[in-house]
């Protein structure tokens, strides 16, 4: 059965002066299985699933592939990704609540090859 989800590539570009605080914040999640599981659960409850996280070698930006559950719009996703702190599942704010990225969202035509839709 074809997926009814929407797939997006997000390019996260660091805002000036936020890189170190964001990495410090996210490492608390990446190094703690329970925190990471809670973050993933909150993302899924919001209707979004991160399939892959790909930081660029020079640490200037990263790419992610996100799946939006049927009924979720790209506009809703943009609002969510730009506003939710990590403690609520959001990936773009540091623990002080500062937005660390300019998030550019590109809607994909289909599920990328090799990915199994979550929804």
N, C-alpha and C. Protein backbone atom coordinates (compact mmCIF):
# COMPACT_ATOMS: atom_id res chain seq x y z
N UNK A 1 0.84 -1.18 0.00
CA UNK A 1 0.00 0.00 0.00
C UNK A 1 0.89 1.25 0.00
N UNK A 2 0.66 2.18 -0.92
CA UNK A 2 1.47 3.40 -0.96
C UNK A 2 1.25 4.25 0.30
N UNK A 3 2.29 4.93 0.70
CA UNK A 3 2.22 5.80 1.88
C UNK A 3 1.37 7.03 1.57
N UNK A 4 0.62 7.47 2.55
CA UNK A 4 -0.15 8.71 2.43
C UNK A 4 0.55 9.86 3.15
N UNK A 5 1.76 9.59 3.60
CA UNK A 5 2.57 10.60 4.29
C UNK A 5 3.18 11.56 3.29
N UNK A 6 3.68 12.67 3.82
CA UNK A 6 4.48 13.62 3.05
C UNK A 6 5.91 13.51 3.56
N UNK A 7 6.86 13.49 2.64
CA UNK A 7 8.26 13.44 3.02
C UNK A 7 8.92 14.78 2.70
N UNK A 8 9.79 15.20 3.60
CA UNK A 8 10.49 16.47 3.43
C UNK A 8 11.97 16.31 3.76
N UNK A 9 12.78 17.06 3.03
CA UNK A 9 14.18 17.21 3.41
C UNK A 9 14.27 18.57 4.09
N UNK A 10 14.93 18.59 5.24
CA UNK A 10 15.12 19.84 5.96
C UNK A 10 16.61 20.14 5.99
N UNK A 11 16.96 21.35 5.60
CA UNK A 11 18.33 21.82 5.73
C UNK A 11 18.34 22.76 6.93
N UNK A 12 19.04 22.35 7.98
CA UNK A 12 19.16 23.13 9.21
C UNK A 12 20.49 23.89 9.13
N UNK A 13 20.42 25.20 9.04
CA UNK A 13 21.62 26.03 9.00
C UNK A 13 21.73 26.80 10.31
N UNK A 14 22.87 26.66 10.98
CA UNK A 14 23.04 27.31 12.28
C UNK A 14 22.93 28.82 12.18
N UNK A 15 22.21 29.41 13.14
CA UNK A 15 22.20 30.86 13.31
C UNK A 15 23.52 31.23 14.00
N UNK A 16 23.98 32.43 13.78
CA UNK A 16 25.24 32.90 14.34
C UNK A 16 25.27 32.72 15.87
N UNK A 17 26.35 32.11 16.33
CA UNK A 17 26.57 31.98 17.76
C UNK A 17 25.78 30.91 18.47
N UNK A 18 25.13 30.00 17.74
CA UNK A 18 24.27 29.00 18.39
C UNK A 18 24.81 27.57 18.32
N UNK A 19 25.82 27.35 17.51
CA UNK A 19 26.29 25.98 17.25
C UNK A 19 26.69 25.24 18.53
N UNK A 20 27.53 25.85 19.34
CA UNK A 20 28.02 25.16 20.53
C UNK A 20 26.91 24.86 21.53
N UNK A 21 26.01 25.82 21.74
CA UNK A 21 24.94 25.58 22.71
C UNK A 21 23.97 24.51 22.20
N UNK A 22 23.73 24.47 20.87
CA UNK A 22 22.83 23.44 20.34
C UNK A 22 23.47 22.06 20.48
N UNK A 23 24.73 21.93 20.09
CA UNK A 23 25.39 20.63 20.21
C UNK A 23 25.44 20.18 21.67
N UNK A 24 25.69 21.11 22.58
CA UNK A 24 25.68 20.77 24.00
C UNK A 24 24.31 20.26 24.44
N UNK A 25 23.27 20.91 23.96
CA UNK A 25 21.90 20.50 24.31
C UNK A 25 21.55 19.15 23.70
N UNK A 26 21.83 18.97 22.42
CA UNK A 26 21.42 17.73 21.75
C UNK A 26 22.22 16.53 22.23
N UNK A 27 23.46 16.75 22.63
CA UNK A 27 24.26 15.61 23.10
C UNK A 27 23.67 15.02 24.38
N UNK A 28 22.99 15.83 25.18
CA UNK A 28 22.31 15.31 26.37
C UNK A 28 21.26 14.28 25.97
N UNK A 29 20.66 14.45 24.79
CA UNK A 29 19.65 13.51 24.30
C UNK A 29 20.30 12.33 23.60
N UNK A 30 21.28 12.61 22.75
CA UNK A 30 21.92 11.53 22.00
C UNK A 30 22.67 10.57 22.91
N UNK A 31 23.10 11.03 24.07
CA UNK A 31 23.83 10.19 25.02
C UNK A 31 22.94 9.58 26.11
N UNK A 32 21.64 9.80 26.02
CA UNK A 32 20.72 9.29 27.03
C UNK A 32 19.55 8.61 26.32
N UNK A 33 19.56 7.29 26.35
CA UNK A 33 18.56 6.51 25.63
C UNK A 33 17.12 6.88 26.02
N UNK A 34 16.88 7.11 27.30
CA UNK A 34 15.52 7.46 27.75
C UNK A 34 15.08 8.82 27.23
N UNK A 35 15.97 9.81 27.29
CA UNK A 35 15.63 11.13 26.77
C UNK A 35 15.37 11.08 25.27
N UNK A 36 16.20 10.32 24.56
CA UNK A 36 16.04 10.21 23.11
C UNK A 36 14.73 9.51 22.76
N UNK A 37 14.39 8.47 23.50
CA UNK A 37 13.12 7.76 23.27
C UNK A 37 11.93 8.69 23.53
N UNK A 38 12.02 9.50 24.59
CA UNK A 38 10.94 10.43 24.91
C UNK A 38 10.81 11.49 23.81
N UNK A 39 11.94 12.01 23.32
CA UNK A 39 11.90 13.00 22.25
C UNK A 39 11.26 12.40 21.00
N UNK A 40 11.66 11.19 20.64
CA UNK A 40 11.09 10.53 19.46
C UNK A 40 9.58 10.31 19.62
N UNK A 41 9.17 9.90 20.82
CA UNK A 41 7.75 9.69 21.10
C UNK A 41 6.97 11.00 20.93
N UNK A 42 7.51 12.09 21.45
CA UNK A 42 6.84 13.38 21.33
C UNK A 42 6.74 13.83 19.87
N UNK A 43 7.78 13.56 19.10
CA UNK A 43 7.75 13.90 17.68
C UNK A 43 6.66 13.11 16.97
N UNK A 44 6.59 11.82 17.25
CA UNK A 44 5.58 10.97 16.62
C UNK A 44 4.17 11.39 17.04
N UNK A 45 3.99 11.74 18.30
CA UNK A 45 2.67 12.20 18.78
C UNK A 45 2.26 13.49 18.07
N UNK A 46 3.23 14.30 17.69
CA UNK A 46 2.94 15.54 16.96
C UNK A 46 2.67 15.26 15.48
N UNK A 47 2.97 14.03 15.02
CA UNK A 47 2.72 13.65 13.63
C UNK A 47 3.93 13.77 12.73
N UNK A 48 5.13 13.77 13.34
CA UNK A 48 6.36 13.92 12.57
C UNK A 48 7.35 12.83 12.97
N UNK A 49 8.05 12.29 11.96
CA UNK A 49 9.02 11.24 12.22
C UNK A 49 10.32 11.56 11.50
N UNK A 50 11.41 11.60 12.25
CA UNK A 50 12.72 11.88 11.67
C UNK A 50 13.36 10.56 11.25
N UNK A 51 13.49 10.37 9.94
CA UNK A 51 14.10 9.14 9.42
C UNK A 51 15.62 9.18 9.49
N UNK A 52 16.20 10.36 9.28
CA UNK A 52 17.66 10.41 9.28
C UNK A 52 18.16 11.81 9.63
N UNK A 53 19.28 11.83 10.30
CA UNK A 53 19.95 13.05 10.77
C UNK A 53 21.37 13.00 10.22
N UNK A 54 21.73 13.97 9.38
CA UNK A 54 23.02 13.92 8.69
C UNK A 54 23.78 15.24 8.85
N UNK A 55 24.59 15.36 9.91
CA UNK A 55 25.39 16.57 10.06
C UNK A 55 26.49 16.65 9.01
N UNK A 56 26.68 17.81 8.48
CA UNK A 56 27.70 18.06 7.46
C UNK A 56 29.08 18.08 8.12
N UNK A 57 30.08 17.62 7.41
CA UNK A 57 31.43 17.42 7.94
C UNK A 57 32.01 18.66 8.63
N UNK A 58 31.79 19.84 8.07
CA UNK A 58 32.35 21.06 8.64
C UNK A 58 31.47 21.67 9.72
N UNK A 59 30.39 20.99 10.06
CA UNK A 59 29.54 21.40 11.17
C UNK A 59 28.86 22.75 10.94
N UNK A 60 28.60 23.08 9.68
CA UNK A 60 27.93 24.33 9.36
C UNK A 60 26.42 24.16 9.27
N UNK A 61 26.00 22.99 8.85
CA UNK A 61 24.57 22.71 8.71
C UNK A 61 24.36 21.21 8.74
N UNK A 62 23.11 20.80 8.68
CA UNK A 62 22.79 19.37 8.62
C UNK A 62 21.54 19.19 7.77
N UNK A 63 21.39 17.98 7.27
CA UNK A 63 20.22 17.59 6.52
C UNK A 63 19.47 16.54 7.33
N UNK A 64 18.17 16.58 7.22
CA UNK A 64 17.33 15.54 7.83
C UNK A 64 16.22 15.18 6.85
N UNK A 65 15.80 13.94 6.91
CA UNK A 65 14.61 13.51 6.18
C UNK A 65 13.52 13.28 7.22
N UNK A 66 12.42 13.99 7.06
CA UNK A 66 11.29 13.90 7.97
C UNK A 66 10.07 13.39 7.21
N UNK A 67 9.25 12.65 7.93
CA UNK A 67 7.98 12.18 7.40
C UNK A 67 6.86 12.87 8.18
N UNK A 68 5.91 13.40 7.45
CA UNK A 68 4.75 14.07 8.04
C UNK A 68 3.55 13.15 7.88
N UNK A 69 2.92 12.85 8.98
CA UNK A 69 1.76 11.97 8.97
C UNK A 69 0.65 12.60 8.11
N UNK A 70 -0.14 11.75 7.48
CA UNK A 70 -1.26 12.25 6.68
C UNK A 70 -2.06 13.26 7.48
N UNK A 71 -2.38 14.38 6.85
CA UNK A 71 -3.14 15.43 7.51
C UNK A 71 -2.26 16.56 8.04
N UNK A 72 -0.95 16.31 8.13
CA UNK A 72 -0.02 17.36 8.59
C UNK A 72 0.50 18.12 7.37
N UNK A 73 0.45 19.43 7.43
CA UNK A 73 0.93 20.23 6.31
C UNK A 73 2.38 20.65 6.53
N UNK A 74 3.03 21.04 5.46
CA UNK A 74 4.40 21.54 5.54
C UNK A 74 4.42 22.80 6.40
N UNK A 75 3.39 23.62 6.30
CA UNK A 75 3.30 24.85 7.10
C UNK A 75 3.21 24.53 8.59
N UNK A 76 2.43 23.51 8.94
CA UNK A 76 2.33 23.09 10.35
C UNK A 76 3.68 22.55 10.83
N UNK A 77 4.34 21.80 9.99
CA UNK A 77 5.64 21.27 10.32
C UNK A 77 6.66 22.39 10.53
N UNK A 78 6.65 23.39 9.64
CA UNK A 78 7.56 24.53 9.78
C UNK A 78 7.33 25.24 11.11
N UNK A 79 6.08 25.46 11.47
CA UNK A 79 5.76 26.13 12.73
C UNK A 79 6.27 25.28 13.91
N UNK A 80 6.04 23.98 13.86
CA UNK A 80 6.45 23.07 14.93
C UNK A 80 7.98 23.05 15.06
N UNK A 81 8.68 22.85 13.95
CA UNK A 81 10.13 22.69 14.00
C UNK A 81 10.83 23.97 14.44
N UNK A 82 10.19 25.11 14.22
CA UNK A 82 10.77 26.40 14.60
C UNK A 82 10.40 26.83 16.02
N UNK A 83 9.55 26.07 16.71
CA UNK A 83 9.05 26.59 17.99
C UNK A 83 9.13 25.64 19.18
N UNK A 84 9.25 24.35 18.95
CA UNK A 84 9.21 23.40 20.08
C UNK A 84 10.59 23.16 20.67
N UNK A 85 10.72 23.29 21.98
CA UNK A 85 12.00 22.98 22.62
C UNK A 85 12.24 21.47 22.63
N UNK A 86 13.49 21.07 22.85
CA UNK A 86 13.84 19.65 22.88
C UNK A 86 13.02 18.90 23.93
N UNK A 87 12.73 19.55 25.03
CA UNK A 87 11.95 18.89 26.08
C UNK A 87 10.54 18.55 25.63
N UNK A 88 10.10 19.13 24.49
CA UNK A 88 8.78 18.81 23.91
C UNK A 88 8.93 18.13 22.55
N UNK A 89 10.11 17.60 22.28
CA UNK A 89 10.33 16.84 21.05
C UNK A 89 10.92 17.63 19.90
N UNK A 90 10.99 18.95 20.04
CA UNK A 90 11.51 19.77 18.96
C UNK A 90 13.02 19.67 18.81
N UNK A 91 13.52 19.70 17.59
CA UNK A 91 14.95 19.53 17.38
C UNK A 91 15.75 20.82 17.20
N UNK A 92 15.12 21.98 17.17
CA UNK A 92 15.81 23.19 16.71
C UNK A 92 16.15 24.21 17.78
N UNK A 93 15.65 24.03 19.00
CA UNK A 93 15.92 24.98 20.07
C UNK A 93 16.91 24.37 21.05
N UNK A 94 17.80 25.19 21.60
CA UNK A 94 18.71 24.69 22.62
C UNK A 94 17.96 24.64 23.96
N UNK A 95 18.63 24.20 25.02
CA UNK A 95 17.92 24.03 26.29
C UNK A 95 17.53 25.36 26.92
N UNK A 96 18.09 26.46 26.43
CA UNK A 96 17.67 27.78 26.91
C UNK A 96 16.45 28.29 26.14
N UNK A 97 15.99 27.52 25.15
CA UNK A 97 14.81 27.90 24.38
C UNK A 97 15.09 28.79 23.19
N UNK A 98 16.35 28.94 22.82
CA UNK A 98 16.72 29.78 21.68
C UNK A 98 16.71 28.97 20.39
N UNK A 99 16.06 29.51 19.37
CA UNK A 99 16.05 28.86 18.05
C UNK A 99 17.45 28.94 17.46
N UNK A 100 18.03 27.79 17.17
CA UNK A 100 19.43 27.71 16.73
C UNK A 100 19.60 27.58 15.22
N UNK A 101 18.52 27.34 14.50
CA UNK A 101 18.62 27.09 13.06
C UNK A 101 17.69 27.99 12.24
N UNK A 102 18.11 28.20 11.02
CA UNK A 102 17.18 28.57 9.96
C UNK A 102 16.84 27.23 9.33
N UNK A 103 15.56 26.87 9.34
CA UNK A 103 15.11 25.57 8.83
C UNK A 103 14.45 25.75 7.47
N UNK A 104 15.11 25.25 6.44
CA UNK A 104 14.56 25.30 5.09
C UNK A 104 13.98 23.93 4.78
N UNK A 105 12.69 23.90 4.47
CA UNK A 105 11.98 22.64 4.25
C UNK A 105 11.67 22.49 2.76
N UNK A 106 12.02 21.32 2.24
CA UNK A 106 11.78 20.99 0.84
C UNK A 106 10.91 19.75 0.77
N UNK A 107 9.71 19.92 0.25
CA UNK A 107 8.78 18.79 0.11
C UNK A 107 9.27 17.89 -1.01
N UNK A 108 9.35 16.60 -0.72
CA UNK A 108 9.80 15.62 -1.71
C UNK A 108 8.60 15.06 -2.47
N UNK A 109 8.84 14.62 -3.69
CA UNK A 109 7.77 14.06 -4.52
C UNK A 109 7.28 12.71 -4.02
N UNK A 110 8.17 11.98 -3.35
CA UNK A 110 7.82 10.62 -2.92
C UNK A 110 8.71 10.20 -1.77
N UNK A 111 8.42 9.06 -1.22
CA UNK A 111 9.26 8.48 -0.18
C UNK A 111 10.62 8.17 -0.78
N UNK A 112 11.70 8.64 -0.16
CA UNK A 112 13.04 8.36 -0.71
C UNK A 112 13.32 6.86 -0.81
N UNK A 113 14.07 6.48 -1.83
CA UNK A 113 14.46 5.08 -2.00
C UNK A 113 15.14 4.57 -0.74
N UNK A 114 14.79 3.37 -0.34
CA UNK A 114 15.42 2.74 0.82
C UNK A 114 14.76 3.06 2.14
N UNK A 115 13.81 3.96 2.16
CA UNK A 115 13.12 4.32 3.39
C UNK A 115 11.80 3.56 3.48
N UNK A 116 11.47 3.11 4.66
CA UNK A 116 10.18 2.48 4.92
C UNK A 116 9.31 3.50 5.63
N UNK A 117 8.17 3.87 5.03
CA UNK A 117 7.32 4.86 5.68
C UNK A 117 6.91 4.42 7.08
N UNK A 118 6.88 5.36 7.99
CA UNK A 118 6.45 5.13 9.37
C UNK A 118 4.93 5.10 9.44
N UNK A 119 4.29 5.97 8.70
CA UNK A 119 2.83 6.13 8.77
C UNK A 119 2.17 5.52 7.55
